[in-house]
Amino acid sequence: QVQLVESGGGLVQAGGSLRLSCAASGRPLSRYAMAWFRHGPGPEREFVAGITWSGSGTLYVDSVKGRFTISRDSVKNTVYLQMNSLKPEDTALYYCAAAIREYYNDVISFSDEYDYWGQGTQVTVSS
């Protein structure tokens, strides 16, 4: 079992920055692809950013490219999402997720393929 705990959310003005953290316990994340999803006012949970278990590859939804950066620290067993130039439309509950990848070093953007989820951290961007 992997437990994921997000932190770092909060209220920020448009144009500001936040860094989200996702701390894992239970197992090392060495063979887990990781991702951040968000659930805003719409009905669907949206893929935001993902990273391979090795950290060699990343993927972003178009709306955050150039503004958000996902990274991971294997020593701290933690994944981060640096969010810059925040916009009101980034307001959402942000979730961290982990997917075991025994044989592939890839990024997964489909939520159904993730095995573990955190409880989420709220990000609110005021205009």
Foldseek 3Di string as FASTA:
>chain_A
DKAWAKDWADEEAQQAKIKMKIFIDDDQLQQKKKFKWWDDPDDDIFTAKIAWSVRPDMDGDPVQPPFWDWGDDRVRSMIMIIGGRDDQVVWTWMKMFIAGHPDDGDTDGDPVRTDDIYPTDTHGYHD
